PDB file of N, CA and C in Angstrom:
ATOM      1  N   MET A   1     268.597 100.702  13.005  1.00  0.00           N
ATOM      2  CA  MET A   1     268.996 101.556  13.629  1.00  0.00           C
ATOM      3  C   MET A   1     270.491 101.311  13.136  1.00  0.00           C
ATOM      4  N   PHE A   2     271.159 102.506  12.563  1.00  0.00           N
ATOM      5  CA  PHE A   2     272.714 102.526  12.067  1.00  0.00           C
ATOM      6  C   PHE A   2     273.141 103.043  12.719  1.00  0.00           C
ATOM      7  N   GLN A   3     274.606 102.163  13.238  1.00  0.00           N
ATOM      8  CA  GLN A   3     275.585 102.833  14.346  1.00  0.00           C
ATOM      9  C   GLN A   3     276.370 103.850  13.791  1.00  0.00           C
ATOM     10  N   VAL A   4     276.490 105.330  14.325  1.00  0.00           N
ATOM     11  CA  VAL A   4     277.548 106.559  13.787  1.00  0.00           C
ATOM     12  C   VAL A   4     278.535 106.203  14.560  1.00  0.00           C
ATOM     13  N   THR A   5     279.892 106.151  13.562  1.00  0.00           N
ATOM     14  CA  THR A   5     281.281 106.396  14.809  1.00  0.00           C
ATOM     15  C   THR A   5     282.592 107.314  13.803  1.00  0.00           C
ATOM     16  N   THR A   6     283.239 108.015  14.243  1.00  0.00           N
ATOM     17  CA  THR A   6     284.280 108.472  13.865  1.00  0.00           C
ATOM     18  C   THR A   6     285.577 108.042  13.850  1.00  0.00           C
ATOM     19  N   LEU A   7     285.093 106.729  14.751  1.00  0.00           N
ATOM     20  CA  LEU A   7     286.684 106.207  15.052  1.00  0.00           C
ATOM     21  C   LEU A   7     287.026 105.088  13.935  1.00  0.00           C
ATOM     22  N   ILE A   8     286.401 104.421  12.828  1.00  0.00           N
ATOM     23  CA  ILE A   8     286.365 104.126  11.682  1.00  0.00           C
ATOM     24  C   ILE A   8     287.713 104.515  10.862  1.00  0.00           C
ATOM     25  N   GLY A   9     287.049 106.152  10.419  1.00  0.00           N
ATOM     26  CA  GLY A   9     288.243 106.598   9.407  1.00  0.00           C
ATOM     27  C   GLY A   9     289.477 107.048  10.598  1.00  0.00           C
ATOM     28  N   ASP A  10     289.391 107.521  11.613  1.00  0.00           N
ATOM     29  CA  ASP A  10     290.841 107.499  12.683  1.00  0.00           C
ATOM     30  C   ASP A  10     291.273 106.294  12.440  1.00  0.00           C
ATOM     31  N   ALA A  11     290.952 104.861  12.909  1.00  0.00           N
ATOM     32  CA  ALA A  11     291.850 103.808  12.749  1.00  0.00           C
ATOM     33  C   ALA A  11     292.345 103.861  11.682  1.00  0.00           C
ATOM     34  N   GLU A  12     291.778 104.163  10.298  1.00  0.00           N
ATOM     35  CA  GLU A  12     292.306 103.691   8.486  1.00  0.00           C
ATOM     36  C   GLU A  12     293.340 104.256   8.740  1.00  0.00           C
ATOM     37  N   LYS A  13     293.194 105.702   9.364  1.00  0.00           N
ATOM     38  CA  LYS A  13     294.463 106.691   9.308  1.00  0.00           C
ATOM     39  C   LYS A  13     295.452 106.262   9.631  1.00  0.00           C
ATOM     40  N   VAL A  14     295.271 105.809  11.342  1.00  0.00           N
ATOM     41  CA  VAL A  14     296.584 105.457  11.751  1.00  0.00           C
ATOM     42  C   VAL A  14     296.854 104.255  11.537  1.00  0.00           C
ATOM     43  N   GLU A  15     296.232 103.399  11.262  1.00  0.00           N
ATOM     44  CA  GLU A  15     296.879 101.845   9.862  1.00  0.00           C
ATOM     45  C   GLU A  15     297.738 102.424   8.662  1.00  0.00           C
ATOM     46  N   THR A  16     297.361 103.028   8.286  1.00  0.00           N
ATOM     47  CA  THR A  16     297.622 103.684   6.930  1.00  0.00           C
ATOM     48  C   THR A  16     299.448 104.691   7.387  1.00  0.00           C
ATOM     49  N   GLU A  17     299.395 105.473   8.454  1.00  0.00           N
ATOM     50  CA  GLU A  17     300.666 105.798   9.132  1.00  0.00           C
ATOM     51  C   GLU A  17     301.579 104.943   9.175  1.00  0.00           C
ATOM     52  N   LEU A  18     301.153 103.917  10.056  1.00  0.00           N
ATOM     53  CA  LEU A  18     301.685 102.782  10.383  1.00  0.00           C
ATOM     54  C   LEU A  18     302.456 101.865   9.566  1.00  0.00           C
ATOM     55  N   ILE A  19     301.713 101.608   8.479  1.00  0.00           N
ATOM     56  CA  ILE A  19     302.301 101.261   7.523  1.00  0.00           C
ATOM     57  C   ILE A  19     303.589 102.059   6.744  1.00  0.00           C
ATOM     58  N   LYS A  20     303.025 103.316   6.588  1.00  0.00           N
ATOM     59  CA  LYS A  20     304.376 104.267   5.716  1.00  0.00           C
ATOM     60  C   LYS A  20     305.461 104.179   6.643  1.00  0.00           C
ATOM     61  N   ASN A  21     305.159 104.679   8.140  1.00  0.00           N
ATOM     62  CA  ASN A  21     306.338 104.989   8.804  1.00  0.00           C
ATOM     63  C   ASN A  21     305.583 103.932  10.401  1.00  0.00           C
ATOM     64  N   PRO A  22     306.627 103.082  10.053  1.00  0.00           N
ATOM     65  CA  PRO A  22     306.430 101.806  11.241  1.00  0.00           C
ATOM     66  C   PRO A  22     306.646 103.031  12.484  1.00  0.00           C
ATOM     67  N   PRO A  23     306.825 101.857  13.939  1.00  0.00           N
ATOM     68  CA  PRO A  23     306.445 102.943  15.105  1.00  0.00           C
ATOM     69  C   PRO A  23     307.866 102.453  15.317  1.00  0.00           C
ATOM     70  N   PRO A  24     308.329 103.742  16.294  1.00  0.00           N
ATOM     71  CA  PRO A  24     309.953 103.029  16.879  1.00  0.00           C
ATOM     72  C   PRO A  24     310.176 101.891  17.685  1.00  0.00           C
ATOM     73  N   SER A  25     311.052 101.557  17.471  1.00  0.00           N
ATOM     74  CA  SER A  25     311.821 100.251  18.519  1.00  0.00           C
ATOM     75  C   SER A  25     311.779 100.854  19.809  1.00  0.00           C
ATOM     76  N   GLU A  26     311.885  99.974  20.673  1.00  0.00           N
ATOM     77  CA  GLU A  26     312.400 100.010  22.148  1.00  0.00           C
ATOM     78  C   GLU A  26     314.207 100.371  22.249  1.00  0.00           C
ATOM     79  N   VAL A  27     314.497 100.325  21.352  1.00  0.00           N
ATOM     80  CA  VAL A  27     316.115 100.792  20.897  1.00  0.00           C
ATOM     81  C   VAL A  27     315.901 101.874  20.830  1.00  0.00           C
ATOM     82  N   ASP A  28     314.922 102.633  19.717  1.00  0.00           N
ATOM     83  CA  ASP A  28     315.053 103.969  19.205  1.00  0.00           C
ATOM     84  C   ASP A  28     315.226 104.372  20.703  1.00  0.00           C
ATOM     85  N   ILE A  29     313.895 104.530  21.380  1.00  0.00           N
ATOM     86  CA  ILE A  29     313.519 105.374  22.186  1.00  0.00           C
ATOM     87  C   ILE A  29     314.292 105.257  23.189  1.00  0.00           C
ATOM     88  N   GLU A  30     315.073 104.001  23.903  1.00  0.00           N
ATOM     89  CA  GLU A  30     316.324 103.821  24.588  1.00  0.00           C
ATOM     90  C   GLU A  30     317.046 104.808  24.470  1.00  0.00           C
ATOM     91  N   ALA A  31     317.976 104.772  22.866  1.00  0.00           N
ATOM     92  CA  ALA A  31     318.895 105.802  22.072  1.00  0.00           C
ATOM     93  C   ALA A  31     318.338 107.409  22.655  1.00  0.00           C
ATOM     94  N   ALA A  32     317.141 107.501  22.416  1.00  0.00           N
ATOM     95  CA  ALA A  32     316.756 109.120  22.106  1.00  0.00           C
ATOM     96  C   ALA A  32     316.726 109.338  23.847  1.00  0.00           C
ATOM     97  N   LYS A  33     316.534 108.669  24.822  1.00  0.00           N
ATOM     98  CA  LYS A  33     316.659 109.094  26.284  1.00  0.00           C
ATOM     99  C   LYS A  33     317.959 109.100  26.728  1.00  0.00           C
ATOM    100  N   ALA A  34     319.100 108.429  26.118  1.00  0.00           N
ATOM    101  CA  ALA A  34     320.605 108.393  26.020  1.00  0.00           C
ATOM    102  C   ALA A  34     320.882 109.575  25.671  1.00  0.00           C
ATOM    103  N   LEU A  35     320.398 110.072  24.417  1.00  0.00           N
ATOM    104  CA  LEU A  35     320.995 111.534  23.760  1.00  0.00           C
ATOM    105  C   LEU A  35     320.090 112.795  24.485  1.00  0.00           C
ATOM    106  N   VAL A  36     319.037 112.580  25.186  1.00  0.00           N
ATOM    107  CA  VAL A  36     318.713 113.704  26.324  1.00  0.00           C
ATOM    108  C   VAL A  36     319.543 113.949  27.512  1.00  0.00           C
ATOM    109  N   LYS A  37     319.664 112.920  27.707  1.00  0.00           N
ATOM    110  CA  LYS A  37     320.556 112.704  29.176  1.00  0.00           C
ATOM    111  C   LYS A  37     322.130 113.154  28.397  1.00  0.00           C
ATOM    112  N   GLU A  38     322.876 112.630  28.041  1.00  0.00           N
ATOM    113  CA  GLU A  38     323.882 113.149  27.182  1.00  0.00           C
ATOM    114  C   GLU A  38     323.726 114.705  26.723  1.00  0.00           C
ATOM    115  N   LYS A  39     323.061 115.701  26.641  1.00  0.00           N
ATOM    116  CA  LYS A  39     322.547 116.929  26.358  1.00  0.00           C
ATOM    117  C   LYS A  39     322.277 117.102  27.869  1.00  0.00           C
ATOM    118  N   GLY A  40     321.979 116.795  28.502  1.00  0.00           N
ATOM    119  CA  GLY A  40     321.527 117.751  30.219  1.00  0.00           C
ATOM    120  C   GLY A  40     322.993 117.639  30.497  1.00  0.00           C
ATOM    121  N   GLU A  41     323.275 117.064  30.345  1.00  0.00           N
ATOM    122  CA  GLU A  41     324.742 116.635  30.890  1.00  0.00           C
ATOM    123  C   GLU A  41     326.189 117.899  30.783  1.00  0.00           C
ATOM    124  N   VAL A  42     325.591 118.109  28.846  1.00  0.00           N
ATOM    125  CA  VAL A  42     326.403 119.293  28.703  1.00  0.00           C
ATOM    126  C   VAL A  42     326.027 120.534  29.171  1.00  0.00           C
ATOM    127  N   VAL A  43     324.744 120.151  29.029  1.00  0.00           N
ATOM    128  CA  VAL A  43     324.383 121.509  29.351  1.00  0.00           C
ATOM    129  C   VAL A  43     324.394 122.030  30.907  1.00  0.00           C
ATOM    130  N   ALA A  44     324.869 121.115  31.836  1.00  0.00           N
ATOM    131  CA  ALA A  44     325.082 121.074  33.142  1.00  0.00           C
ATOM    132  C   ALA A  44     326.262 121.722  33.624  1.00  0.00           C
ATOM    133  N   GLN A  45     327.266 120.867  32.521  1.00  0.00           N
ATOM    134  CA  GLN A  45     329.002 121.280  32.496  1.00  0.00           C
ATOM    135  C   GLN A  45     329.257 122.652  31.947  1.00  0.00           C
ATOM    136  N   LEU A  46     328.242 123.150  31.421  1.00  0.00           N
ATOM    137  CA  LEU A  46     328.567 124.428  30.697  1.00  0.00           C
ATOM    138  C   LEU A  46     327.741 125.466  31.472  1.00  0.00           C
ATOM    139  N   LYS A  47     326.786 125.436  32.512  1.00  0.00           N
ATOM    140  CA  LYS A  47     326.386 126.140  33.586  1.00  0.00           C
ATOM    141  C   LYS A  47     328.068 125.830  34.713  1.00  0.00           C
ATOM    142  N   SER A  48     328.163 124.743  34.718  1.00  0.00           N
ATOM    143  CA  SER A  48     329.173 124.976  36.300  1.00  0.00           C
ATOM    144  C   SER A  48     330.510 125.870  35.779  1.00  0.00           C
ATOM    145  N   ALA A  49     330.318 125.828  34.625  1.00  0.00           N
ATOM    146  CA  ALA A  49     332.442 125.830  34.129  1.00  0.00           C
ATOM    147  C   ALA A  49     331.527 127.607  33.425  1.00  0.00           C
ATOM    148  N   LYS A  50     330.669 128.317  33.914  1.00  0.00           N
ATOM    149  CA  LYS A  50     330.035 129.459  33.517  1.00  0.00           C
ATOM    150  C   LYS A  50     330.459 129.895  32.222  1.00  0.00           C
ATOM    151  N   ALA A  51     330.373 128.811  30.903  1.00  0.00           N
ATOM    152  CA  ALA A  51     330.371 129.318  29.771  1.00  0.00           C
ATOM    153  C   ALA A  51     330.010 130.343  28.983  1.00  0.00           C
ATOM    154  N   GLY A  52     330.200 131.000  28.132  1.00  0.00           N
ATOM    155  CA  GLY A  52     329.895 132.017  27.578  1.00  0.00           C
ATOM    156  C   GLY A  52     328.584 131.885  27.275  1.00  0.00           C
ATOM    157  N   LYS A  53     327.913 133.301  26.498  1.00  0.00           N
ATOM    158  CA  LYS A  53     326.517 133.340  26.895  1.00  0.00           C
ATOM    159  C   LYS A  53     325.968 132.985  25.615  1.00  0.00           C
ATOM    160  N   ALA A  54     326.341 132.728  24.623  1.00  0.00           N
ATOM    161  CA  ALA A  54     326.207 131.977  23.276  1.00  0.00           C
ATOM    162  C   ALA A  54     326.223 130.751  23.602  1.00  0.00           C
ATOM    163  N   GLU A  55     327.058 129.973  24.007  1.00  0.00           N
ATOM    164  CA  GLU A  55     327.233 128.493  24.276  1.00  0.00           C
ATOM    165  C   GLU A  55     326.002 128.043  24.800  1.00  0.00           C
ATOM    166  N   ILE A  56     325.423 128.642  26.208  1.00  0.00           N
ATOM    167  CA  ILE A  56     324.619 127.982  26.937  1.00  0.00           C
ATOM    168  C   ILE A  56     323.321 127.792  26.106  1.00  0.00           C
ATOM    169  N   PRO A  57     322.686 128.901  25.538  1.00  0.00           N
ATOM    170  CA  PRO A  57     321.030 128.826  25.112  1.00  0.00           C
ATOM    171  C   PRO A  57     321.680 128.070  23.433  1.00  0.00           C
ATOM    172  N   ALA A  58     322.698 127.934  22.942  1.00  0.00           N
ATOM    173  CA  ALA A  58     322.699 127.120  22.212  1.00  0.00           C
ATOM    174  C   ALA A  58     322.771 125.250  22.540  1.00  0.00           C
ATOM    175  N   SER A  59     323.542 125.393  23.668  1.00  0.00           N
ATOM    176  CA  SER A  59     323.114 123.623  24.171  1.00  0.00           C
ATOM    177  C   SER A  59     321.705 123.108  24.933  1.00  0.00           C
ATOM    178  N   VAL A  60     320.994 124.285  25.340  1.00  0.00           N
ATOM    179  CA  VAL A  60     319.686 124.325  25.788  1.00  0.00           C
ATOM    180  C   VAL A  60     318.832 123.932  24.607  1.00  0.00           C
ATOM    181  N   ALA A  61     319.173 124.757  23.287  1.00  0.00           N
ATOM    182  CA  ALA A  61     318.193 124.495  22.340  1.00  0.00           C
ATOM    183  C   ALA A  61     318.270 123.373  22.289  1.00  0.00           C
ATOM    184  N   LYS A  62     319.678 122.900  22.295  1.00  0.00           N
ATOM    185  CA  LYS A  62     320.012 121.200  21.649  1.00  0.00           C
ATOM    186  C   LYS A  62     318.894 120.269  22.365  1.00  0.00           C
ATOM    187  N   LEU A  63     319.039 120.494  23.454  1.00  0.00           N
ATOM    188  CA  LEU A  63     318.769 119.650  24.930  1.00  0.00           C
ATOM    189  C   LEU A  63     317.113 119.727  24.512  1.00  0.00           C
ATOM    190  N   ASN A  64     316.815 120.693  23.923  1.00  0.00           N
ATOM    191  CA  ASN A  64     315.424 120.825  23.930  1.00  0.00           C
ATOM    192  C   ASN A  64     314.471 120.087  22.272  1.00  0.00           C
ATOM    193  N   LYS A  65     315.321 120.368  21.843  1.00  0.00           N
ATOM    194  CA  LYS A  65     314.988 119.469  20.386  1.00  0.00           C
ATOM    195  C   LYS A  65     315.176 118.232  20.781  1.00  0.00           C
ATOM    196  N   ALA A  66     316.025 117.626  21.499  1.00  0.00           N
ATOM    197  CA  ALA A  66     316.202 115.959  21.759  1.00  0.00           C
ATOM    198  C   ALA A  66     314.709 115.948  22.826  1.00  0.00           C
ATOM    199  N   LYS A  67     314.650 116.809  23.645  1.00  0.00           N
ATOM    200  CA  LYS A  67     313.442 116.192  24.032  1.00  0.00           C
ATOM    201  C   LYS A  67     312.195 116.329  23.570  1.00  0.00           C
ATOM    202  N   GLU A  68     312.028 117.303  22.773  1.00  0.00           N
ATOM    203  CA  GLU A  68     311.108 116.842  21.675  1.00  0.00           C
ATOM    204  C   GLU A  68     310.475 116.062  20.516  1.00  0.00           C
ATOM    205  N   ASN A  69     311.876 114.981  20.247  1.00  0.00           N
ATOM    206  CA  ASN A  69     312.115 114.040  19.493  1.00  0.00           C
ATOM    207  C   ASN A  69     311.746 112.736  20.445  1.00  0.00           C
ATOM    208  N   LEU A  70     312.178 113.165  21.828  1.00  0.00           N
ATOM    209  CA  LEU A  70     311.725 112.069  22.491  1.00  0.00           C
ATOM    210  C   LEU A  70     310.324 111.567  22.651  1.00  0.00           C
ATOM    211  N   SER A  71     309.645 112.986  23.070  1.00  0.00           N
ATOM    212  CA  SER A  71     308.120 112.713  23.234  1.00  0.00           C
ATOM    213  C   SER A  71     307.638 112.218  22.145  1.00  0.00           C
ATOM    214  N   ARG A  72     307.954 113.015  20.698  1.00  0.00           N
ATOM    215  CA  ARG A  72     307.069 112.213  19.634  1.00  0.00           C
ATOM    216  C   ARG A  72     307.262 111.147  19.290  1.00  0.00           C
ATOM    217  N   LEU A  73     309.019 110.123  19.865  1.00  0.00           N
ATOM    218  CA  LEU A  73     309.129 109.021  19.383  1.00  0.00           C
ATOM    219  C   LEU A  73     307.635 108.235  20.974  1.00  0.00           C
ATOM    220  N   GLU A  74     307.595 108.570  21.631  1.00  0.00           N
ATOM    221  CA  GLU A  74     306.884 107.972  23.119  1.00  0.00           C
ATOM    222  C   GLU A  74     305.635 107.807  22.490  1.00  0.00           C
ATOM    223  N   GLU A  75     305.152 109.163  21.802  1.00  0.00           N
ATOM    224  CA  GLU A  75     303.960 109.113  21.191  1.00  0.00           C
ATOM    225  C   GLU A  75     303.848 107.972  20.377  1.00  0.00           C
ATOM    226  N   ARG A  76     304.795 108.350  19.061  1.00  0.00           N
ATOM    227  CA  ARG A  76     304.220 106.892  18.005  1.00  0.00           C
ATOM    228  C   ARG A  76     304.542 105.455  18.810  1.00  0.00           C
ATOM    229  N   SER A  77     305.112 105.830  19.401  1.00  0.00           N
ATOM    230  CA  SER A  77     305.049 103.875  20.143  1.00  0.00           C
ATOM    231  C   SER A  77     303.932 103.563  20.642  1.00  0.00           C
ATOM    232  N   LYS A  78     303.113 104.473  21.317  1.00  0.00           N
ATOM    233  CA  LYS A  78     301.748 104.306  21.668  1.00  0.00           C
ATOM    234  C   LYS A  78     300.296 103.852  20.762  1.00  0.00           C
ATOM    235  N   LEU A  79     301.067 104.588  19.473  1.00  0.00           N
ATOM    236  CA  LEU A  79     299.744 104.067  18.221  1.00  0.00           C
ATOM    237  C   LEU A  79     299.198 102.695  18.439  1.00  0.00           C
ATOM    238  N   LYS A  80     298.236 102.297  18.541  1.00  0.00           N
ATOM    239  CA  LYS A  80     298.201 101.284  17.724  1.00  0.00           C
ATOM    240  C   LYS A  80     296.693 100.838  16.642  1.00  0.00           C
ATOM    241  N   PRO A  81     297.422 100.061  15.867  1.00  0.00           N
ATOM    242  CA  PRO A  81     296.127  99.885  14.601  1.00  0.00           C
ATOM    243  C   PRO A  81     295.025  99.561  15.091  1.00  0.00           C
ATOM    244  N   GLY A  82     293.857 100.051  14.397  1.00  0.00           N
ATOM    245  CA  GLY A  82     292.716  99.452  14.219  1.00  0.00           C
ATOM    246  C   GLY A  82     292.346 100.158  15.440  1.00  0.00           C
ATOM    247  N   ILE A  83     290.499  99.787  15.630  1.00  0.00           N
ATOM    248  CA  ILE A  83     289.812 100.610  16.291  1.00  0.00           C
ATOM    249  C   ILE A  83     289.699 100.740  17.850  1.00  0.00           C
ATOM    250  N   PRO A  84     290.176 101.735  18.846  1.00  0.00           N
ATOM    251  CA  PRO A  84     290.728 101.583  20.172  1.00  0.00           C
ATOM    252  C   PRO A  84     289.598 101.137  20.680  1.00  0.00           C
ATOM    253  N   GLN A  85     290.235 100.227  21.815  1.00  0.00           N
ATOM    254  CA  GLN A  85     289.255  99.396  22.690  1.00  0.00           C
ATOM    255  C   GLN A  85     289.270  99.192  24.103  1.00  0.00           C
ATOM    256  N   LYS A  86     288.705  98.978  25.352  1.00  0.00           N
ATOM    257  CA  LYS A  86     288.871  99.041  26.900  1.00  0.00           C
ATOM    258  C   LYS A  86     288.025  97.647  27.017  1.00  0.00           C
ATOM    259  N   ASP A  87     289.018  96.685  27.419  1.00  0.00           N
ATOM    260  CA  ASP A  87     288.542  95.892  27.944  1.00  0.00           C
ATOM    261  C   ASP A  87     287.661  95.036  27.244  1.00  0.00           C
ATOM    262  N   GLY A  88     288.220  94.420  25.862  1.00  0.00           N
ATOM    263  CA  GLY A  88     287.468  94.268  24.639  1.00  0.00           C
ATOM    264  C   GLY A  88     286.302  94.492  24.049  1.00  0.00           C
ATOM    265  N   LYS A  89     285.919  95.693  24.704  1.00  0.00           N
ATOM    266  CA  LYS A  89     284.956  96.426  23.591  1.00  0.00           C
ATOM    267  C   LYS A  89     285.157  98.237  23.228  1.00  0.00           C
ATOM    268  N   ILE A  90     284.881  98.330  22.199  1.00  0.00           N
ATOM    269  CA  ILE A  90     285.124  99.940  21.452  1.00  0.00           C
ATOM    270  C   ILE A  90     284.953 101.053  22.721  1.00  0.00           C
ATOM    271  N   HIS A  91     286.150 101.418  22.404  1.00  0.00           N
ATOM    272  CA  HIS A  91     286.142 102.881  23.411  1.00  0.00           C
ATOM    273  C   HIS A  91     285.665 103.835  23.059  1.00  0.00           C
ATOM    274  N   TYR A  92     284.611 104.372  23.264  1.00  0.00           N
ATOM    275  CA  TYR A  92     283.309 105.781  22.518  1.00  0.00           C
ATOM    276  C   TYR A  92     283.921 106.552  22.794  1.00  0.00           C
ATOM    277  N   SER A  93     285.268 107.113  24.153  1.00  0.00           N
ATOM    278  CA  SER A  93     285.613 108.400  24.750  1.00  0.00           C
ATOM    279  C   SER A  93     286.282 108.638  23.740  1.00  0.00           C
ATOM    280  N   GLN A  94     287.138 108.243  23.026  1.00  0.00           N
ATOM    281  CA  GLN A  94     287.690 109.131  21.706  1.00  0.00           C
ATOM    282  C   GLN A  94     286.309 109.421  20.542  1.00  0.00           C
ATOM    283  N   ASP A  95     285.448 109.347  20.131  1.00  0.00           N
ATOM    284  CA  ASP A  95     284.871 110.198  19.617  1.00  0.00           C
ATOM    285  C   ASP A  95     283.731 110.847  19.496  1.00  0.00           C
ATOM    286  N   ILE A  96     283.233 111.290  17.743  1.00  0.00           N
ATOM    287  CA  ILE A  96     282.973 112.555  18.543  1.00  0.00           C
ATOM    288  C   ILE A  96     281.961 112.173  19.372  1.00  0.00           C
ATOM    289  N   PHE A  97     280.940 111.635  19.450  1.00  0.00           N
ATOM    290  CA  PHE A  97     279.353 111.757  20.403  1.00  0.00           C
ATOM    291  C   PHE A  97     280.432 111.291  21.738  1.00  0.00           C
ATOM    292  N   ALA A  98     281.598 110.516  21.612  1.00  0.00           N
ATOM    293  CA  ALA A  98     281.802 110.143  23.431  1.00  0.00           C
ATOM    294  C   ALA A  98     281.034 108.800  23.791  1.00  0.00           C
ATOM    295  N   ARG A  99     279.922 108.763  22.898  1.00  0.00           N
ATOM    296  CA  ARG A  99     279.298 107.348  23.550  1.00  0.00           C
ATOM    297  C   ARG A  99     278.821 106.872  22.040  1.00  0.00           C
ATOM    298  N   GLN A 100     278.000 105.452  22.532  1.00  0.00           N
ATOM    299  CA  GLN A 100     277.781 104.781  21.184  1.00  0.00           C
ATOM    300  C   GLN A 100     276.464 105.942  20.740  1.00  0.00           C
ATOM    301  N   ALA A 101     276.918 105.743  19.445  1.00  0.00           N
ATOM    302  CA  ALA A 101     275.411 106.749  18.878  1.00  0.00           C
ATOM    303  C   ALA A 101     274.754 106.033  17.903  1.00  0.00           C
ATOM    304  N   PHE A 102     273.615 106.234  17.372  1.00  0.00           N
ATOM    305  CA  PHE A 102     272.854 105.844  16.062  1.00  0.00           C
ATOM    306  C   PHE A 102     272.117 106.552  15.734  1.00  0.00           C
ATOM    307  N   LEU A 103     271.715 106.182  14.519  1.00  0.00           N
ATOM    308  CA  LEU A 103     270.634 107.420  13.701  1.00  0.00           C
ATOM    309  C   LEU A 103     269.575 106.101  13.740  1.00  0.00           C
ATOM    310  N   THR A 104     268.701 107.191  13.504  1.00  0.00           N
ATOM    311  CA  THR A 104     267.146 106.268  13.397  1.00  0.00           C
ATOM    312  C   THR A 104     266.985 105.558  11.985  1.00  0.00           C
ATOM    313  N   VAL A 105     266.101 104.556  11.590  1.00  0.00           N
ATOM    314  CA  VAL A 105     265.364 104.677  10.531  1.00  0.00           C
ATOM    315  C   VAL A 105     264.120 105.300  10.096  1.00  0.00           C
ATOM    316  N   SER A 106     264.729 106.354   9.221  1.00  0.00           N
ATOM    317  CA  SER A 106     263.403 107.141   8.857  1.00  0.00           C
ATOM    318  C   SER A 106     263.132 107.137   7.629  1.00  0.00           C
ATOM    319  N   GLY A 107     261.372 107.319   7.170  1.00  0.00           N
ATOM    320  CA  GLY A 107     261.487 107.786   5.711  1.00  0.00           C
ATOM    321  C   GLY A 107     262.651 108.012   4.968  1.00  0.00           C
ATOM    322  N   GLN A 108     263.010 109.447   5.200  1.00  0.00           N
ATOM    323  CA  GLN A 108     263.896 110.333   4.729  1.00  0.00           C
ATOM    324  C   GLN A 108     265.193 109.540   3.919  1.00  0.00           C
ATOM    325  N   LEU A 109     265.369 108.302   5.203  1.00  0.00           N
ATOM    326  CA  LEU A 109     266.822 107.963   5.440  1.00  0.00           C
ATOM    327  C   LEU A 109     266.495 106.867   4.141  1.00  0.00           C
ATOM    328  N   GLN A 110     265.492 106.234   4.277  1.00  0.00           N
ATOM    329  CA  GLN A 110     265.278 105.004   3.285  1.00  0.00           C
ATOM    330  C   GLN A 110     264.931 105.994   1.343  1.00  0.00           C
ATOM    331  N   VAL A 111     264.412 106.822   1.969  1.00  0.00           N
ATOM    332  CA  VAL A 111     264.455 107.295   0.384  1.00  0.00           C
ATOM    333  C   VAL A 111     265.504 107.540  -0.251  1.00  0.00           C
ATOM    334  N   GLU A 112     266.702 107.435   0.539  1.00  0.00           N
ATOM    335  CA  GLU A 112     267.809 108.250  -0.225  1.00  0.00           C
ATOM    336  C   GLU A 112     268.462 107.051  -1.418  1.00  0.00           C
ATOM    337  N   THR A 113     268.156 105.688  -0.983  1.00  0.00           N
ATOM    338  CA  THR A 113     268.952 104.309  -1.976  1.00  0.00           C
ATOM    339  C   THR A 113     267.782 105.256  -3.159  1.00  0.00           C
ATOM    340  N   TYR A 114     266.432 105.331  -2.825  1.00  0.00           N
ATOM    341  CA  TYR A 114     265.453 105.548  -3.950  1.00  0.00           C
ATOM    342  C   TYR A 114     266.109 106.422  -4.780  1.00  0.00           C
ATOM    343  N   ALA A 115     266.350 107.587  -4.033  1.00  0.00           N
ATOM    344  CA  ALA A 115     266.827 109.090  -5.118  1.00  0.00           C
ATOM    345  C   ALA A 115     267.830 108.678  -5.861  1.00  0.00           C
ATOM    346  N   CYS A 116     268.687 107.639  -5.780  1.00  0.00           N
ATOM    347  CA  CYS A 116     270.034 107.455  -6.483  1.00  0.00           C
ATOM    348  C   CYS A 116     269.418 106.709  -7.532  1.00  0.00           C
ATOM    349  N   VAL A 117     268.053 106.248  -8.059  1.00  0.00           N
ATOM    350  CA  VAL A 117     267.525 105.494  -9.252  1.00  0.00           C
ATOM    351  C   VAL A 117     266.571 106.552  -9.774  1.00  0.00           C
ATOM    352  N   VAL A 118     265.581 106.805  -8.743  1.00  0.00           N
ATOM    353  CA  VAL A 118     264.792 107.411  -9.815  1.00  0.00           C
ATOM    354  C   VAL A 118     265.024 109.192  -9.086  1.00  0.00           C
ATOM    355  N   CYS A 119     264.643 110.055 -10.187  1.00  0.00           N
ATOM    356  CA  CYS A 119     265.357 111.452  -9.963  1.00  0.00           C
ATOM    357  C   CYS A 119     264.258 112.032  -9.086  1.00  0.00           C
ATOM    358  N   SER A 120     263.113 111.946  -8.769  1.00  0.00           N
ATOM    359  CA  SER A 120     261.914 112.537  -8.350  1.00  0.00           C
ATOM    360  C   SER A 120     261.422 111.952  -7.358  1.00  0.00           C
ATOM    361  N   VAL A 121     261.792 111.905  -6.166  1.00  0.00           N
ATOM    362  CA  VAL A 121     261.245 110.932  -4.613  1.00  0.00           C
ATOM    363  C   VAL A 121     260.367 111.948  -3.685  1.00  0.00           C
ATOM    364  N   TYR A 122     259.754 111.685  -3.123  1.00  0.00           N
ATOM    365  CA  TYR A 122     258.664 111.881  -2.255  1.00  0.00           C
ATOM    366  C   TYR A 122     258.399 111.304  -0.725  1.00  0.00           C
ATOM    367  N   THR A 123     258.646 112.282   0.490  1.00  0.00           N
ATOM    368  CA  THR A 123     258.688 111.476   1.385  1.00  0.00           C
ATOM    369  C   THR A 123     257.324 112.043   2.218  1.00  0.00           C
ATOM    370  N   PHE A 124     256.581 111.669   2.864  1.00  0.00           N
ATOM    371  CA  PHE A 124     255.600 111.873   3.829  1.00  0.00           C
ATOM    372  C   PHE A 124     255.290 111.581   5.520  1.00  0.00           C
ATOM    373  N   GLY A 125     255.523 112.712   6.273  1.00  0.00           N
ATOM    374  CA  GLY A 125     255.483 112.118   7.631  1.00  0.00           C
ATOM    375  C   GLY A 125     256.219 112.906   8.849  1.00  0.00           C
ATOM    376  N   PRO A 126     256.306 112.449   9.633  1.00  0.00           N
ATOM    377  CA  PRO A 126     256.877 113.728  10.716  1.00  0.00           C
ATOM    378  C   PRO A 126     258.164 113.736  10.281  1.00  0.00           C
ATOM    379  N   THR A 127     258.749 115.021  10.479  1.00  0.00           N
ATOM    380  CA  THR A 127     260.069 115.016  10.322  1.00  0.00           C
ATOM    381  C   THR A 127     260.845 116.180  11.407  1.00  0.00           C
ATOM    382  N   PHE A 128     261.958 116.175  11.623  1.00  0.00           N
ATOM    383  CA  PHE A 128     262.507 116.036  12.572  1.00  0.00           C
ATOM    384  C   PHE A 128     263.824 117.032  12.399  1.00  0.00           C
TER     385      PHE A 128
END
């Protein structure tokens, strides 16, 4: 039987992405958290000072953008190269089948290799 999984393709994509764009460091994440805190304090000051209607929404928009950036950084920092593992074994919950899956070794599967060499091939037997 042949094992079937979609995890290998996803793992290769993650590895390629991490090579092109390395994950953020703890310093980057702490800087983003400090920026969110700073923007939050600015919004709080504007609200307590009863600033104009144009200033508060602009500051809130900047705060939301900083929060989104922090969220993206935290998500990227969790990316790990390779196939996802749990307790030293492959973690199939992220796979399309959500469990270990196999293909059967049928006559149809075996004849595919012959079809590459010979132009006409035939199989007999039960097919499902």
